[in-house]
Amino acid sequence: MSPRKTANKTANVLISNNTGKKLKNVTVYHRYSSQNKKNLYTFNGVHPGSTSNDTMKINYCTDVLEKGLSWWKVWYETSDGEKQITWPGNPRNGYGVHHHKNGVSFHTSTEGFQHHVLSSEDQNDPTVIIINNHSIQIVSRSGTSTTYTIPNH
């Protein structure tokens, strides 16, 4: 019997600006927990009412036996200097990320991360992060997640 192979997937992420202000920069941090997959990308100069020209590639897995979760943190700055970050009180239901390295187990918090699961159907369609005034939506073919933002000083 051959070992089970995890279904590694890649998705494309875009930013949509609904704030009414130019977004000077938007940084997205995506973390897929069980395999310690991390992606960080900064989008620059997203105009009001438009979608980013560039895309962020993220890695995730889909498998019935896969226990990982996708976690998202977003922070941005507008052209007039307003800074926002995903709400640190996002409901995590006790979630955290447990790592094992060199026989040592340690825990990484998911504070401030929004949980949004990607499925196999999300691989071919863009995942869009919609930046609103004081809220963010993560929209993929498989669903939508919404969270608030707070000032980031």
N, C-alpha and C. Protein backbone atom coordinates (compact mmCIF):
# COMPACT_ATOMS: atom_id res chain seq x y z
N MET A 1 0.84 -1.18 0.00
CA MET A 1 0.00 0.00 0.00
C MET A 1 0.89 1.25 0.00
N SER A 2 0.65 2.14 -0.92
CA SER A 2 1.46 3.35 -1.00
C SER A 2 0.98 4.37 0.03
N PRO A 3 1.88 5.24 0.49
CA PRO A 3 1.48 6.26 1.47
C PRO A 3 0.46 7.23 0.87
N ARG A 4 -0.42 7.72 1.72
CA ARG A 4 -1.44 8.68 1.30
C ARG A 4 -0.77 9.99 0.90
N LYS A 5 -1.21 10.55 -0.22
CA LYS A 5 -0.67 11.82 -0.68
C LYS A 5 -1.68 12.92 -0.39
N THR A 6 -1.19 14.00 0.16
CA THR A 6 -2.03 15.16 0.44
C THR A 6 -2.26 15.94 -0.84
N ALA A 7 -3.47 16.42 -1.02
CA ALA A 7 -3.82 17.19 -2.22
C ALA A 7 -3.41 18.65 -2.03
N ASN A 8 -2.18 18.96 -2.44
CA ASN A 8 -1.68 20.33 -2.35
C ASN A 8 -2.32 21.18 -3.43
N LYS A 9 -2.78 22.36 -3.05
CA LYS A 9 -3.46 23.27 -3.98
C LYS A 9 -2.83 24.65 -3.91
N THR A 10 -3.04 25.41 -4.98
CA THR A 10 -2.61 26.81 -5.04
C THR A 10 -3.81 27.64 -5.45
N ALA A 11 -3.99 28.78 -4.80
CA ALA A 11 -5.08 29.69 -5.15
C ALA A 11 -4.50 31.08 -5.40
N ASN A 12 -5.24 31.87 -6.17
CA ASN A 12 -4.86 33.25 -6.46
C ASN A 12 -5.74 34.20 -5.67
N VAL A 13 -5.12 35.19 -5.03
CA VAL A 13 -5.83 36.15 -4.20
C VAL A 13 -5.73 37.54 -4.83
N LEU A 14 -6.85 38.25 -4.86
CA LEU A 14 -6.93 39.62 -5.35
C LEU A 14 -7.48 40.51 -4.24
N ILE A 15 -7.24 41.81 -4.35
CA ILE A 15 -7.80 42.79 -3.42
C ILE A 15 -8.81 43.64 -4.16
N SER A 16 -9.99 43.86 -3.55
CA SER A 16 -11.00 44.77 -4.09
C SER A 16 -11.18 45.90 -3.08
N ASN A 17 -11.08 47.13 -3.54
CA ASN A 17 -11.12 48.30 -2.66
C ASN A 17 -12.49 48.96 -2.68
N ASN A 18 -13.23 48.82 -1.56
CA ASN A 18 -14.53 49.47 -1.40
C ASN A 18 -14.50 50.56 -0.33
N THR A 19 -13.33 51.13 -0.05
CA THR A 19 -13.22 52.11 1.03
C THR A 19 -13.52 53.54 0.60
N GLY A 20 -13.47 53.82 -0.69
CA GLY A 20 -13.62 55.19 -1.15
C GLY A 20 -12.31 55.97 -1.12
N LYS A 21 -11.24 55.34 -0.63
CA LYS A 21 -9.91 55.95 -0.58
C LYS A 21 -8.92 55.04 -1.30
N LYS A 22 -7.85 55.62 -1.81
CA LYS A 22 -6.80 54.79 -2.40
C LYS A 22 -6.11 54.01 -1.28
N LEU A 23 -5.90 52.71 -1.52
CA LEU A 23 -5.16 51.89 -0.57
C LEU A 23 -3.68 51.97 -0.95
N LYS A 24 -2.91 52.62 -0.10
CA LYS A 24 -1.47 52.75 -0.34
C LYS A 24 -0.82 51.37 -0.38
N ASN A 25 -1.16 50.54 0.60
CA ASN A 25 -0.69 49.15 0.61
C ASN A 25 -1.64 48.28 1.42
N VAL A 26 -1.71 47.02 1.02
CA VAL A 26 -2.50 46.01 1.72
C VAL A 26 -1.61 44.79 1.85
N THR A 27 -1.39 44.34 3.08
CA THR A 27 -0.58 43.15 3.30
C THR A 27 -1.48 42.01 3.75
N VAL A 28 -1.31 40.87 3.11
CA VAL A 28 -2.09 39.68 3.42
C VAL A 28 -1.13 38.59 3.89
N TYR A 29 -1.46 38.01 5.03
CA TYR A 29 -0.69 36.89 5.57
C TYR A 29 -1.64 35.71 5.64
N HIS A 30 -1.35 34.67 4.88
CA HIS A 30 -2.16 33.45 4.89
C HIS A 30 -1.32 32.34 5.50
N ARG A 31 -1.94 31.59 6.39
CA ARG A 31 -1.24 30.48 7.04
C ARG A 31 -2.13 29.25 6.99
N TYR A 32 -1.59 28.18 6.46
CA TYR A 32 -2.29 26.90 6.48
C TYR A 32 -1.64 26.08 7.58
N SER A 33 -2.40 25.79 8.61
CA SER A 33 -1.84 25.37 9.89
C SER A 33 -1.12 24.03 9.93
N SER A 34 -1.72 22.97 9.45
CA SER A 34 -1.16 21.65 9.73
C SER A 34 0.16 21.38 9.02
N GLN A 35 0.41 22.04 7.93
CA GLN A 35 1.65 21.80 7.21
C GLN A 35 2.58 23.01 7.25
N ASN A 36 2.25 23.95 8.10
CA ASN A 36 3.07 25.14 8.29
C ASN A 36 3.35 25.88 6.98
N LYS A 37 2.35 25.91 6.10
CA LYS A 37 2.47 26.67 4.85
C LYS A 37 2.13 28.12 5.16
N LYS A 38 3.01 29.04 4.76
CA LYS A 38 2.81 30.46 5.04
C LYS A 38 3.03 31.25 3.76
N ASN A 39 2.18 32.23 3.54
CA ASN A 39 2.32 33.12 2.39
C ASN A 39 2.10 34.55 2.87
N LEU A 40 2.97 35.46 2.45
CA LEU A 40 2.89 36.86 2.81
C LEU A 40 3.09 37.67 1.54
N TYR A 41 2.20 38.66 1.33
CA TYR A 41 2.30 39.46 0.12
C TYR A 41 1.74 40.85 0.40
N THR A 42 2.36 41.87 -0.20
CA THR A 42 1.87 43.24 -0.08
C THR A 42 1.45 43.75 -1.45
N PHE A 43 0.20 44.18 -1.53
CA PHE A 43 -0.35 44.82 -2.73
C PHE A 43 -0.15 46.32 -2.57
N ASN A 44 0.19 47.01 -3.64
CA ASN A 44 0.42 48.45 -3.58
C ASN A 44 -0.50 49.19 -4.54
N GLY A 45 -1.01 50.35 -4.07
CA GLY A 45 -1.74 51.28 -4.92
C GLY A 45 -3.03 50.75 -5.52
N VAL A 46 -3.95 50.26 -4.67
CA VAL A 46 -5.24 49.79 -5.17
C VAL A 46 -6.23 50.96 -5.07
N HIS A 47 -6.72 51.42 -6.21
CA HIS A 47 -7.59 52.59 -6.27
C HIS A 47 -9.02 52.27 -5.81
N PRO A 48 -9.77 53.29 -5.33
CA PRO A 48 -11.15 53.07 -4.90
C PRO A 48 -11.99 52.49 -6.03
N GLY A 49 -12.82 51.52 -5.69
CA GLY A 49 -13.71 50.91 -6.67
C GLY A 49 -13.04 49.98 -7.65
N SER A 50 -11.77 49.66 -7.42
CA SER A 50 -11.07 48.78 -8.36
C SER A 50 -10.51 47.55 -7.65
N THR A 51 -10.02 46.64 -8.47
CA THR A 51 -9.41 45.40 -7.99
C THR A 51 -7.93 45.44 -8.35
N SER A 52 -7.11 44.83 -7.51
CA SER A 52 -5.66 44.84 -7.73
C SER A 52 -5.30 44.23 -9.08
N ASN A 53 -4.23 44.76 -9.66
CA ASN A 53 -3.72 44.21 -10.92
C ASN A 53 -2.89 42.95 -10.68
N ASP A 54 -2.19 42.91 -9.56
CA ASP A 54 -1.37 41.75 -9.26
C ASP A 54 -2.14 40.76 -8.39
N THR A 55 -1.62 39.55 -8.31
CA THR A 55 -2.25 38.49 -7.51
C THR A 55 -1.23 37.89 -6.56
N MET A 56 -1.75 37.37 -5.48
CA MET A 56 -0.95 36.66 -4.49
C MET A 56 -1.23 35.17 -4.66
N LYS A 57 -0.21 34.36 -4.68
CA LYS A 57 -0.38 32.90 -4.74
C LYS A 57 -0.30 32.37 -3.31
N ILE A 58 -1.28 31.55 -2.94
CA ILE A 58 -1.24 30.92 -1.62
C ILE A 58 -1.30 29.41 -1.78
N ASN A 59 -0.81 28.71 -0.76
CA ASN A 59 -0.77 27.25 -0.75
C ASN A 59 -1.69 26.74 0.35
N TYR A 60 -2.43 25.69 0.02
CA TYR A 60 -3.30 25.05 1.00
C TYR A 60 -3.49 23.60 0.58
N CYS A 61 -4.19 22.83 1.39
CA CYS A 61 -4.40 21.41 1.11
C CYS A 61 -5.88 21.07 1.18
N THR A 62 -6.26 20.08 0.40
CA THR A 62 -7.61 19.53 0.51
C THR A 62 -7.47 18.02 0.54
N ASP A 63 -7.97 17.43 1.57
CA ASP A 63 -7.90 15.98 1.74
C ASP A 63 -8.85 15.64 2.88
N VAL A 64 -9.57 14.57 2.75
CA VAL A 64 -10.52 14.16 3.79
C VAL A 64 -9.83 13.99 5.13
N LEU A 65 -8.61 13.49 5.12
CA LEU A 65 -7.90 13.24 6.37
C LEU A 65 -7.05 14.43 6.83
N GLU A 66 -6.99 15.46 6.03
CA GLU A 66 -6.18 16.65 6.36
C GLU A 66 -6.89 17.46 7.43
N LYS A 67 -6.19 17.80 8.48
CA LYS A 67 -6.78 18.51 9.62
C LYS A 67 -6.39 19.99 9.67
N GLY A 68 -5.73 20.49 8.65
CA GLY A 68 -5.28 21.88 8.66
C GLY A 68 -6.40 22.87 8.43
N LEU A 69 -6.15 24.09 8.84
CA LEU A 69 -7.10 25.19 8.68
C LEU A 69 -6.40 26.37 8.03
N SER A 70 -7.15 27.12 7.23
CA SER A 70 -6.62 28.34 6.62
C SER A 70 -6.93 29.53 7.52
N TRP A 71 -5.90 30.32 7.81
CA TRP A 71 -6.03 31.50 8.65
C TRP A 71 -5.51 32.70 7.88
N TRP A 72 -6.20 33.82 7.98
CA TRP A 72 -5.89 35.02 7.21
C TRP A 72 -5.77 36.22 8.13
N LYS A 73 -4.72 37.02 7.93
CA LYS A 73 -4.58 38.30 8.63
C LYS A 73 -4.33 39.35 7.55
N VAL A 74 -5.02 40.48 7.66
CA VAL A 74 -4.92 41.54 6.66
C VAL A 74 -4.71 42.87 7.37
N TRP A 75 -3.78 43.66 6.89
CA TRP A 75 -3.63 45.02 7.37
C TRP A 75 -3.37 45.93 6.19
N TYR A 76 -3.82 47.18 6.33
CA TYR A 76 -3.69 48.10 5.20
C TYR A 76 -3.51 49.53 5.68
N GLU A 77 -3.03 50.36 4.73
CA GLU A 77 -2.89 51.79 4.96
C GLU A 77 -3.48 52.52 3.77
N THR A 78 -4.31 53.53 4.05
CA THR A 78 -4.88 54.34 2.97
C THR A 78 -3.91 55.46 2.60
N SER A 79 -4.18 56.12 1.49
CA SER A 79 -3.30 57.20 1.02
C SER A 79 -3.28 58.39 1.99
N ASP A 80 -4.31 58.51 2.85
CA ASP A 80 -4.30 59.61 3.83
C ASP A 80 -3.75 59.18 5.19
N GLY A 81 -3.14 57.99 5.26
CA GLY A 81 -2.44 57.55 6.46
C GLY A 81 -3.24 56.71 7.44
N GLU A 82 -4.51 56.44 7.16
CA GLU A 82 -5.31 55.59 8.05
C GLU A 82 -4.78 54.15 7.95
N LYS A 83 -4.57 53.52 9.12
CA LYS A 83 -4.08 52.14 9.16
C LYS A 83 -5.10 51.27 9.88
N GLN A 84 -5.40 50.12 9.29
CA GLN A 84 -6.37 49.17 9.87
C GLN A 84 -5.77 47.77 9.83
N ILE A 85 -6.21 46.92 10.76
CA ILE A 85 -5.78 45.52 10.82
C ILE A 85 -6.99 44.67 11.22
N THR A 86 -6.99 43.40 10.82
CA THR A 86 -8.09 42.52 11.21
C THR A 86 -8.21 42.47 12.72
N TRP A 87 -9.45 42.44 13.16
CA TRP A 87 -9.79 42.50 14.58
C TRP A 87 -9.09 41.39 15.36
N PRO A 88 -8.32 41.73 16.41
CA PRO A 88 -7.61 40.70 17.17
C PRO A 88 -8.53 39.80 17.98
N GLY A 89 -9.80 40.17 18.16
CA GLY A 89 -10.73 39.35 18.91
C GLY A 89 -11.50 38.37 18.04
N ASN A 90 -11.02 38.11 16.82
CA ASN A 90 -11.73 37.16 15.96
C ASN A 90 -11.99 35.87 16.71
N PRO A 91 -13.21 35.35 16.64
CA PRO A 91 -13.52 34.12 17.35
C PRO A 91 -12.65 32.99 16.84
N ARG A 92 -11.94 32.38 17.76
CA ARG A 92 -11.04 31.30 17.37
C ARG A 92 -11.48 29.97 17.96
N ASN A 93 -12.46 30.00 18.85
CA ASN A 93 -12.95 28.76 19.46
C ASN A 93 -11.81 27.89 19.97
N GLY A 94 -10.83 28.52 20.57
CA GLY A 94 -9.72 27.77 21.13
C GLY A 94 -8.69 27.31 20.12
N TYR A 95 -8.84 27.73 18.86
CA TYR A 95 -7.88 27.30 17.85
C TYR A 95 -6.53 27.92 18.09
N GLY A 96 -5.56 27.17 17.74
CA GLY A 96 -4.19 27.63 17.71
C GLY A 96 -3.49 26.68 16.77
N VAL A 97 -2.26 26.92 16.52
CA VAL A 97 -1.52 26.06 15.62
C VAL A 97 -0.46 25.35 16.45
N HIS A 98 -0.50 24.03 16.44
CA HIS A 98 0.47 23.25 17.19
C HIS A 98 1.56 22.79 16.24
N HIS A 99 2.80 23.03 16.63
CA HIS A 99 3.94 22.64 15.82
C HIS A 99 4.78 21.62 16.59
N HIS A 100 5.45 20.77 15.85
CA HIS A 100 6.39 19.82 16.43
C HIS A 100 7.69 19.97 15.67
N LYS A 101 8.77 20.23 16.39
CA LYS A 101 10.06 20.38 15.74
C LYS A 101 11.12 19.82 16.67
N ASN A 102 11.92 18.92 16.15
CA ASN A 102 13.00 18.30 16.92
C ASN A 102 12.50 17.73 18.25
N GLY A 103 11.33 17.10 18.20
CA GLY A 103 10.77 16.47 19.38
C GLY A 103 10.12 17.43 20.37
N VAL A 104 10.08 18.72 20.04
CA VAL A 104 9.49 19.71 20.93
C VAL A 104 8.17 20.18 20.34
N SER A 105 7.14 20.24 21.17
CA SER A 105 5.83 20.71 20.74
C SER A 105 5.64 22.14 21.22
N PHE A 106 5.16 23.01 20.34
CA PHE A 106 4.88 24.38 20.75
C PHE A 106 3.63 24.87 20.04
N HIS A 107 3.05 25.93 20.56
CA HIS A 107 1.76 26.44 20.12
C HIS A 107 1.92 27.85 19.56
N THR A 108 1.29 28.14 18.43
CA THR A 108 1.29 29.47 17.84
C THR A 108 -0.14 29.98 17.83
N SER A 109 -0.35 31.15 18.33
CA SER A 109 -1.69 31.73 18.42
C SER A 109 -2.22 32.12 17.05
N THR A 110 -3.54 32.09 16.93
CA THR A 110 -4.20 32.58 15.72
C THR A 110 -4.92 33.90 16.00
N GLU A 111 -4.51 34.58 17.06
CA GLU A 111 -5.13 35.86 17.42
C GLU A 111 -5.03 36.84 16.25
N GLY A 112 -6.16 37.44 15.91
CA GLY A 112 -6.19 38.42 14.83
C GLY A 112 -6.33 37.82 13.45
N PHE A 113 -6.35 36.51 13.35
CA PHE A 113 -6.51 35.84 12.06
C PHE A 113 -7.98 35.50 11.84
N GLN A 114 -8.43 35.62 10.62
CA GLN A 114 -9.78 35.22 10.23
C GLN A 114 -9.71 33.82 9.64
N HIS A 115 -10.59 32.95 10.05
CA HIS A 115 -10.66 31.59 9.52
C HIS A 115 -11.52 31.60 8.26
N HIS A 116 -10.96 31.17 7.16
CA HIS A 116 -11.71 31.03 5.90
C HIS A 116 -11.15 29.81 5.18
N VAL A 117 -11.97 28.78 5.06
CA VAL A 117 -11.53 27.52 4.47
C VAL A 117 -11.62 27.57 2.95
N LEU A 118 -10.58 27.10 2.30
CA LEU A 118 -10.59 26.94 0.85
C LEU A 118 -10.78 25.47 0.52
N SER A 119 -11.55 25.20 -0.53
CA SER A 119 -11.78 23.82 -0.96
C SER A 119 -11.14 23.61 -2.33
N SER A 120 -11.26 22.42 -2.85
CA SER A 120 -10.65 22.12 -4.15
C SER A 120 -11.25 22.99 -5.26
N GLU A 121 -12.52 23.38 -5.14
CA GLU A 121 -13.15 24.20 -6.19
C GLU A 121 -12.59 25.63 -6.24
N ASP A 122 -11.87 26.05 -5.20
CA ASP A 122 -11.31 27.40 -5.16
C ASP A 122 -10.00 27.53 -5.93
N GLN A 123 -9.44 26.41 -6.36
CA GLN A 123 -8.15 26.45 -7.02
C GLN A 123 -8.19 27.21 -8.35
N ASN A 124 -9.24 27.13 -9.10
CA ASN A 124 -9.28 27.74 -10.43
C ASN A 124 -9.91 29.12 -10.49
N ASP A 125 -10.57 29.54 -9.42
CA ASP A 125 -11.20 30.85 -9.38
C ASP A 125 -10.47 31.73 -8.38
N PRO A 126 -10.45 33.05 -8.60
CA PRO A 126 -9.77 33.92 -7.64
C PRO A 126 -10.51 33.99 -6.31
N THR A 127 -9.74 34.12 -5.25
CA THR A 127 -10.26 34.46 -3.94
C THR A 127 -10.07 35.95 -3.80
N VAL A 128 -11.15 36.68 -3.50
CA VAL A 128 -11.09 38.14 -3.46
C VAL A 128 -11.25 38.60 -2.02
N ILE A 129 -10.31 39.43 -1.58
CA ILE A 129 -10.42 40.07 -0.27
C ILE A 129 -10.97 41.46 -0.52
N ILE A 130 -12.19 41.67 -0.04
CA ILE A 130 -12.87 42.96 -0.23
C ILE A 130 -12.62 43.82 1.00
N ILE A 131 -11.95 44.94 0.77
CA ILE A 131 -11.66 45.88 1.86
C ILE A 131 -12.76 46.93 1.89
N ASN A 132 -13.55 46.93 2.96
CA ASN A 132 -14.60 47.92 3.19
C ASN A 132 -14.13 48.86 4.29
N ASN A 133 -14.90 49.87 4.60
CA ASN A 133 -14.58 50.72 5.75
C ASN A 133 -14.85 49.93 7.03
N HIS A 134 -13.80 49.54 7.71
CA HIS A 134 -13.84 48.86 9.01
C HIS A 134 -14.33 47.41 8.95
N SER A 135 -14.29 46.79 7.78
CA SER A 135 -14.56 45.35 7.68
C SER A 135 -13.87 44.79 6.44
N ILE A 136 -13.68 43.50 6.47
CA ILE A 136 -13.04 42.78 5.36
C ILE A 136 -13.85 41.53 5.09
N GLN A 137 -14.06 41.24 3.82
CA GLN A 137 -14.70 39.99 3.42
C GLN A 137 -13.70 39.19 2.60
N ILE A 138 -13.64 37.90 2.85
CA ILE A 138 -12.85 36.99 2.03
C ILE A 138 -13.86 36.16 1.26
N VAL A 139 -13.84 36.29 -0.06
CA VAL A 139 -14.86 35.66 -0.90
C VAL A 139 -14.19 34.69 -1.86
N SER A 140 -14.60 33.44 -1.77
CA SER A 140 -14.13 32.41 -2.70
C SER A 140 -15.35 31.66 -3.22
N ARG A 141 -15.14 30.83 -4.20
CA ARG A 141 -16.26 30.08 -4.76
C ARG A 141 -16.97 29.26 -3.68
N SER A 142 -16.22 28.77 -2.72
CA SER A 142 -16.79 27.90 -1.70
C SER A 142 -17.45 28.64 -0.53
N GLY A 143 -17.32 29.97 -0.47
CA GLY A 143 -17.98 30.69 0.62
C GLY A 143 -17.42 32.07 0.87
N THR A 144 -17.99 32.74 1.89
CA THR A 144 -17.59 34.09 2.26
C THR A 144 -17.39 34.15 3.77
N SER A 145 -16.33 34.83 4.19
CA SER A 145 -16.07 35.08 5.61
C SER A 145 -15.94 36.58 5.80
N THR A 146 -16.44 37.09 6.91
CA THR A 146 -16.40 38.52 7.18
C THR A 146 -15.81 38.77 8.56
N THR A 147 -15.00 39.80 8.67
CA THR A 147 -14.46 40.21 9.96
C THR A 147 -14.35 41.72 9.99
N TYR A 148 -14.17 42.26 11.17
CA TYR A 148 -14.01 43.69 11.35
C TYR A 148 -12.53 44.05 11.34
N THR A 149 -12.26 45.34 11.16
CA THR A 149 -10.90 45.84 11.31
C THR A 149 -10.89 46.91 12.39
N ILE A 150 -9.72 47.12 12.96
CA ILE A 150 -9.54 48.15 13.99
C ILE A 150 -8.32 48.98 13.61
N PRO A 151 -8.18 50.17 14.21
CA PRO A 151 -6.98 50.98 13.92
C PRO A 151 -5.71 50.21 14.28
N ASN A 152 -4.71 50.35 13.46
CA ASN A 152 -3.41 49.71 13.65
C ASN A 152 -2.37 50.81 13.79
N HIS A 153 -1.97 51.07 15.02
CA HIS A 153 -1.04 52.19 15.27
C HIS A 153 0.39 51.74 15.27
